[in-house]
Structures are given as C-alpha cells and as structure tokens.
Amino acid sequence: NIVKEIYGEDALLLAPGNDIAARV
C-alpha cells in the first residue's frame, strides 16, 4: 500500500514481496 501510494503501480515490480531471492 505504501509502494502504490508513493511510487505508483509500476513500482510494484520493484517490491520483491516474500520471495526476495526469486525476484532478484
């Protein structure tokens, strides 16, 4: 919710979530 509020929807790709290694 903070990512979307500050950075916008496109930034959600840059939020690794629970599986950090897989996203990196």
PDB file of all heavy atoms in Angstrom:
ATOM      1  N   ASN A   1       0.823  -1.209   0.000  1.00  0.00           N
ATOM      2  CA  ASN A   1       0.000   0.000   0.000  1.00  0.00           C
ATOM      3  C   ASN A   1       0.858   1.260   0.000  1.00  0.00           C
ATOM      4  O   ASN A   1       0.511   2.270  -0.619  1.00  0.00           O
ATOM      5  CB  ASN A   1      -0.965  -0.001   1.190  1.00  0.00           C
ATOM      6  CG  ASN A   1      -0.247   0.040   2.539  1.00  0.00           C
ATOM      7  OD1 ASN A   1       0.789  -0.599   2.719  1.00  0.00           O
ATOM      8  ND2 ASN A   1      -0.802   0.758   3.492  1.00  0.00           N
ATOM      9  N   ILE A   2       2.020   1.203   0.668  1.00  0.00           N
ATOM     10  CA  ILE A   2       2.926   2.350   0.674  1.00  0.00           C
ATOM     11  C   ILE A   2       3.598   2.487  -0.680  1.00  0.00           C
ATOM     12  O   ILE A   2       3.772   3.596  -1.205  1.00  0.00           O
ATOM     13  CB  ILE A   2       3.964   2.206   1.807  1.00  0.00           C
ATOM     14  CG1 ILE A   2       3.269   2.297   3.165  1.00  0.00           C
ATOM     15  CG2 ILE A   2       5.057   3.267   1.687  1.00  0.00           C
ATOM     16  CD1 ILE A   2       4.185   2.111   4.354  1.00  0.00           C
ATOM     17  N   VAL A   3       3.985   1.357  -1.294  1.00  0.00           N
ATOM     18  CA  VAL A   3       4.605   1.397  -2.618  1.00  0.00           C
ATOM     19  C   VAL A   3       3.669   2.059  -3.626  1.00  0.00           C
ATOM     20  O   VAL A   3       4.051   2.968  -4.368  1.00  0.00           O
ATOM     21  CB  VAL A   3       4.987  -0.024  -3.089  1.00  0.00           C
ATOM     22  CG1 VAL A   3       5.443  -0.002  -4.547  1.00  0.00           C
ATOM     23  CG2 VAL A   3       6.092  -0.590  -2.204  1.00  0.00           C
ATOM     24  N   LYS A   4       2.419   1.612  -3.658  1.00  0.00           N
ATOM     25  CA  LYS A   4       1.464   2.172  -4.620  1.00  0.00           C
ATOM     26  C   LYS A   4       1.194   3.648  -4.342  1.00  0.00           C
ATOM     27  O   LYS A   4       1.095   4.451  -5.276  1.00  0.00           O
ATOM     28  CB  LYS A   4       0.153   1.381  -4.580  1.00  0.00           C
ATOM     29  CG  LYS A   4       0.254   0.005  -5.215  1.00  0.00           C
ATOM     30  CD  LYS A   4      -1.101  -0.653  -5.380  1.00  0.00           C
ATOM     31  CE  LYS A   4      -1.641  -1.126  -4.063  1.00  0.00           C
ATOM     32  NZ  LYS A   4      -2.894  -1.930  -4.244  1.00  0.00           N
ATOM     33  N   GLU A   5       1.083   4.012  -3.087  1.00  0.00           N
ATOM     34  CA  GLU A   5       0.755   5.387  -2.726  1.00  0.00           C
ATOM     35  C   GLU A   5       1.876   6.353  -3.102  1.00  0.00           C
ATOM     36  O   GLU A   5       1.612   7.440  -3.631  1.00  0.00           O
ATOM     37  CB  GLU A   5       0.478   5.474  -1.224  1.00  0.00           C
ATOM     38  CG  GLU A   5       0.176   6.880  -0.729  1.00  0.00           C
ATOM     39  CD  GLU A   5      -0.006   6.906   0.780  1.00  0.00           C
ATOM     40  OE1 GLU A   5      -0.534   5.927   1.336  1.00  0.00           O
ATOM     41  OE2 GLU A   5       0.388   7.905   1.384  1.00  0.00           O
ATOM     42  N   ILE A   6       3.120   5.962  -2.860  1.00  0.00           N
ATOM     43  CA  ILE A   6       4.249   6.871  -3.093  1.00  0.00           C
ATOM     44  C   ILE A   6       4.797   6.741  -4.514  1.00  0.00           C
ATOM     45  O   ILE A   6       5.043   7.744  -5.196  1.00  0.00           O
ATOM     46  CB  ILE A   6       5.379   6.604  -2.080  1.00  0.00           C
ATOM     47  CG1 ILE A   6       4.874   6.813  -0.650  1.00  0.00           C
ATOM     48  CG2 ILE A   6       6.580   7.506  -2.367  1.00  0.00           C
ATOM     49  CD1 ILE A   6       4.394   8.217  -0.352  1.00  0.00           C
ATOM     50  N   TYR A   7       4.963   5.524  -4.991  1.00  0.00           N
ATOM     51  CA  TYR A   7       5.702   5.289  -6.228  1.00  0.00           C
ATOM     52  C   TYR A   7       4.821   4.982  -7.435  1.00  0.00           C
ATOM     53  O   TYR A   7       5.302   5.027  -8.565  1.00  0.00           O
ATOM     54  CB  TYR A   7       6.675   4.124  -6.036  1.00  0.00           C
ATOM     55  CG  TYR A   7       7.683   4.330  -4.935  1.00  0.00           C
ATOM     56  CD1 TYR A   7       7.512   3.745  -3.683  1.00  0.00           C
ATOM     57  CD2 TYR A   7       8.825   5.109  -5.152  1.00  0.00           C
ATOM     58  CE1 TYR A   7       8.443   3.923  -2.679  1.00  0.00           C
ATOM     59  CE2 TYR A   7       9.763   5.290  -4.142  1.00  0.00           C
ATOM     60  CZ  TYR A   7       9.561   4.696  -2.908  1.00  0.00           C
ATOM     61  OH  TYR A   7      10.484   4.871  -1.908  1.00  0.00           O
ATOM     62  N   GLY A   8       3.568   4.623  -7.210  1.00  0.00           N
ATOM     63  CA  GLY A   8       2.696   4.277  -8.323  1.00  0.00           C
ATOM     64  C   GLY A   8       2.681   2.784  -8.612  1.00  0.00           C
ATOM     65  O   GLY A   8       3.507   2.014  -8.116  1.00  0.00           O
ATOM     66  N   GLU A   9       1.732   2.367  -9.437  1.00  0.00           N
ATOM     67  CA  GLU A   9       1.509   0.948  -9.731  1.00  0.00           C
ATOM     68  C   GLU A   9       2.726   0.270 -10.359  1.00  0.00           C
ATOM     69  O   GLU A   9       3.033  -0.888 -10.076  1.00  0.00           O
ATOM     70  CB  GLU A   9       0.310   0.797 -10.665  1.00  0.00           C
ATOM     71  CG  GLU A   9      -1.033   1.155 -10.037  1.00  0.00           C
ATOM     72  CD  GLU A   9      -1.568   0.044  -9.150  1.00  0.00           C
ATOM     73  OE1 GLU A   9      -1.058  -1.086  -9.248  1.00  0.00           O
ATOM     74  OE2 GLU A   9      -2.505   0.316  -8.379  1.00  0.00           O
ATOM     75  N   ASP A  10       3.438   0.966 -11.256  1.00  0.00           N
ATOM     76  CA  ASP A  10       4.572   0.352 -11.955  1.00  0.00           C
ATOM     77  C   ASP A  10       5.671  -0.081 -10.993  1.00  0.00           C
ATOM     78  O   ASP A  10       6.446  -0.991 -11.299  1.00  0.00           O
ATOM     79  CB  ASP A  10       5.142   1.320 -12.995  1.00  0.00           C
ATOM     80  CG  ASP A  10       4.158   1.577 -14.136  1.00  0.00           C
ATOM     81  OD1 ASP A  10       3.767   0.605 -14.798  1.00  0.00           O
ATOM     82  OD2 ASP A  10       3.775   2.744 -14.326  1.00  0.00           O
ATOM     83  N   ALA A  11       5.749   0.569  -9.835  1.00  0.00           N
ATOM     84  CA  ALA A  11       6.814   0.258  -8.879  1.00  0.00           C
ATOM     85  C   ALA A  11       6.592  -1.061  -8.161  1.00  0.00           C
ATOM     86  O   ALA A  11       7.517  -1.569  -7.515  1.00  0.00           O
ATOM     87  CB  ALA A  11       6.934   1.389  -7.858  1.00  0.00           C
ATOM     88  N   LEU A  12       5.401  -1.638  -8.260  1.00  0.00           N
ATOM     89  CA  LEU A  12       5.156  -2.918  -7.587  1.00  0.00           C
ATOM     90  C   LEU A  12       6.098  -4.012  -8.092  1.00  0.00           C
ATOM     91  O   LEU A  12       6.400  -4.955  -7.364  1.00  0.00           O
ATOM     92  CB  LEU A  12       3.702  -3.342  -7.764  1.00  0.00           C
ATOM     93  CG  LEU A  12       2.677  -2.525  -6.957  1.00  0.00           C
ATOM     94  CD1 LEU A  12       1.265  -2.893  -7.371  1.00  0.00           C
ATOM     95  CD2 LEU A  12       2.873  -2.738  -5.459  1.00  0.00           C
ATOM     96  N   LEU A  13       6.568  -3.880  -9.344  1.00  0.00           N
ATOM     97  CA  LEU A  13       7.547  -4.844  -9.865  1.00  0.00           C
ATOM     98  C   LEU A  13       8.849  -4.806  -9.076  1.00  0.00           C
ATOM     99  O   LEU A  13       9.601  -5.774  -9.042  1.00  0.00           O
ATOM    100  CB  LEU A  13       7.844  -4.556 -11.335  1.00  0.00           C
ATOM    101  CG  LEU A  13       6.924  -5.174 -12.389  1.00  0.00           C
ATOM    102  CD1 LEU A  13       7.332  -4.685 -13.776  1.00  0.00           C
ATOM    103  CD2 LEU A  13       6.972  -6.687 -12.321  1.00  0.00           C
ATOM    104  N   LEU A  14       9.132  -3.673  -8.453  1.00  0.00           N
ATOM    105  CA  LEU A  14      10.385  -3.486  -7.724  1.00  0.00           C
ATOM    106  C   LEU A  14      10.254  -3.877  -6.254  1.00  0.00           C
ATOM    107  O   LEU A  14      11.213  -3.748  -5.500  1.00  0.00           O
ATOM    108  CB  LEU A  14      10.835  -2.029  -7.831  1.00  0.00           C
ATOM    109  CG  LEU A  14      10.945  -1.489  -9.265  1.00  0.00           C
ATOM    110  CD1 LEU A  14      11.238   0.008  -9.251  1.00  0.00           C
ATOM    111  CD2 LEU A  14      12.018  -2.242 -10.050  1.00  0.00           C
ATOM    112  N   ALA A  15       9.073  -4.354  -5.862  1.00  0.00           N
ATOM    113  CA  ALA A  15       8.845  -4.823  -4.492  1.00  0.00           C
ATOM    114  C   ALA A  15       8.936  -6.346  -4.489  1.00  0.00           C
ATOM    115  O   ALA A  15       8.045  -7.025  -5.006  1.00  0.00           O
ATOM    116  CB  ALA A  15       7.475  -4.361  -4.003  1.00  0.00           C
ATOM    117  N   PRO A  16       9.998  -6.941  -3.951  1.00  0.00           N
ATOM    118  CA  PRO A  16      10.213  -8.394  -4.052  1.00  0.00           C
ATOM    119  C   PRO A  16       9.183  -9.249  -3.334  1.00  0.00           C
ATOM    120  O   PRO A  16       9.049 -10.436  -3.633  1.00  0.00           O
ATOM    121  CB  PRO A  16      11.604  -8.584  -3.430  1.00  0.00           C
ATOM    122  CG  PRO A  16      12.248  -7.248  -3.497  1.00  0.00           C
ATOM    123  CD  PRO A  16      11.142  -6.260  -3.344  1.00  0.00           C
ATOM    124  N   GLY A  17       8.474  -8.678  -2.365  1.00  0.00           N
ATOM    125  CA  GLY A  17       7.487  -9.488  -1.649  1.00  0.00           C
ATOM    126  C   GLY A  17       8.144 -10.522  -0.751  1.00  0.00           C
ATOM    127  O   GLY A  17       9.231 -10.305  -0.207  1.00  0.00           O
ATOM    128  N   ASN A  18       7.519 -11.688  -0.621  1.00  0.00           N
ATOM    129  CA  ASN A  18       8.010 -12.710   0.308  1.00  0.00           C
ATOM    130  C   ASN A  18       9.162 -13.541  -0.253  1.00  0.00           C
ATOM    131  O   ASN A  18       9.952 -14.096   0.503  1.00  0.00           O
ATOM    132  CB  ASN A  18       6.859 -13.639   0.710  1.00  0.00           C
ATOM    133  CG  ASN A  18       5.798 -12.917   1.519  1.00  0.00           C
ATOM    134  OD1 ASN A  18       6.117 -12.015   2.291  1.00  0.00           O
ATOM    135  ND2 ASN A  18       4.542 -13.303   1.339  1.00  0.00           N
ATOM    136  N   ASP A  19       9.253 -13.655  -1.568  1.00  0.00           N
ATOM    137  CA  ASP A  19      10.321 -14.461  -2.172  1.00  0.00           C
ATOM    138  C   ASP A  19      11.359 -13.531  -2.796  1.00  0.00           C
ATOM    139  O   ASP A  19      11.401 -13.310  -4.007  1.00  0.00           O
ATOM    140  CB  ASP A  19       9.753 -15.415  -3.219  1.00  0.00           C
ATOM    141  CG  ASP A  19      10.720 -16.552  -3.551  1.00  0.00           C
ATOM    142  OD1 ASP A  19      11.923 -16.400  -3.250  1.00  0.00           O
ATOM    143  OD2 ASP A  19      10.279 -17.570  -4.109  1.00  0.00           O
ATOM    144  N   ILE A  20      12.205 -12.995  -1.946  1.00  0.00           N
ATOM    145  CA  ILE A  20      13.169 -11.983  -2.387  1.00  0.00           C
ATOM    146  C   ILE A  20      14.164 -12.581  -3.371  1.00  0.00           C
ATOM    147  O   ILE A  20      14.462 -11.977  -4.409  1.00  0.00           O
ATOM    148  CB  ILE A  20      13.905 -11.396  -1.159  1.00  0.00           C
ATOM    149  CG1 ILE A  20      12.899 -10.723  -0.221  1.00  0.00           C
ATOM    150  CG2 ILE A  20      14.970 -10.402  -1.600  1.00  0.00           C
ATOM    151  CD1 ILE A  20      13.491 -10.301   1.105  1.00  0.00           C
ATOM    152  N   ALA A  21      14.678 -13.768  -3.070  1.00  0.00           N
ATOM    153  CA  ALA A  21      15.694 -14.379  -3.931  1.00  0.00           C
ATOM    154  C   ALA A  21      15.159 -14.616  -5.340  1.00  0.00           C
ATOM    155  O   ALA A  21      15.840 -14.365  -6.331  1.00  0.00           O
ATOM    156  CB  ALA A  21      16.189 -15.689  -3.317  1.00  0.00           C
ATOM    157  N   ALA A  22      13.915 -15.102  -5.441  1.00  0.00           N
ATOM    158  CA  ALA A  22      13.332 -15.379  -6.759  1.00  0.00           C
ATOM    159  C   ALA A  22      13.168 -14.100  -7.557  1.00  0.00           C
ATOM    160  O   ALA A  22      13.439 -14.073  -8.772  1.00  0.00           O
ATOM    161  CB  ALA A  22      11.992 -16.086  -6.599  1.00  0.00           C
ATOM    162  N   ARG A  23      12.721 -13.006  -6.898  1.00  0.00           N
ATOM    163  CA  ARG A  23      12.540 -11.753  -7.620  1.00  0.00           C
ATOM    164  C   ARG A  23      13.885 -11.177  -8.071  1.00  0.00           C
ATOM    165  O   ARG A  23      14.003 -10.683  -9.188  1.00  0.00           O
ATOM    166  CB  ARG A  23      11.796 -10.744  -6.742  1.00  0.00           C
ATOM    167  CG  ARG A  23      11.503  -9.409  -7.432  1.00  0.00           C
ATOM    168  CD  ARG A  23      10.648  -9.538  -8.680  1.00  0.00           C
ATOM    169  NE  ARG A  23       9.359 -10.127  -8.384  1.00  0.00           N
ATOM    170  CZ  ARG A  23       8.288  -9.416  -8.029  1.00  0.00           C
ATOM    171  NH1 ARG A  23       8.367  -8.091  -7.941  1.00  0.00           N
ATOM    172  NH2 ARG A  23       7.148 -10.020  -7.775  1.00  0.00           N
ATOM    173  N   VAL A  24      14.888 -11.245  -7.214  1.00  0.00           N
ATOM    174  CA  VAL A  24      16.216 -10.747  -7.592  1.00  0.00           C
ATOM    175  C   VAL A  24      16.775 -11.569  -8.749  1.00  0.00           C
ATOM    176  O   VAL A  24      17.372 -11.016  -9.688  1.00  0.00           O
ATOM    177  CB  VAL A  24      17.165 -10.766  -6.373  1.00  0.00           C
ATOM    178  CG1 VAL A  24      18.600 -10.475  -6.809  1.00  0.00           C
ATOM    179  CG2 VAL A  24      16.716  -9.732  -5.333  1.00  0.00           C
TER     180      VAL A  24
END
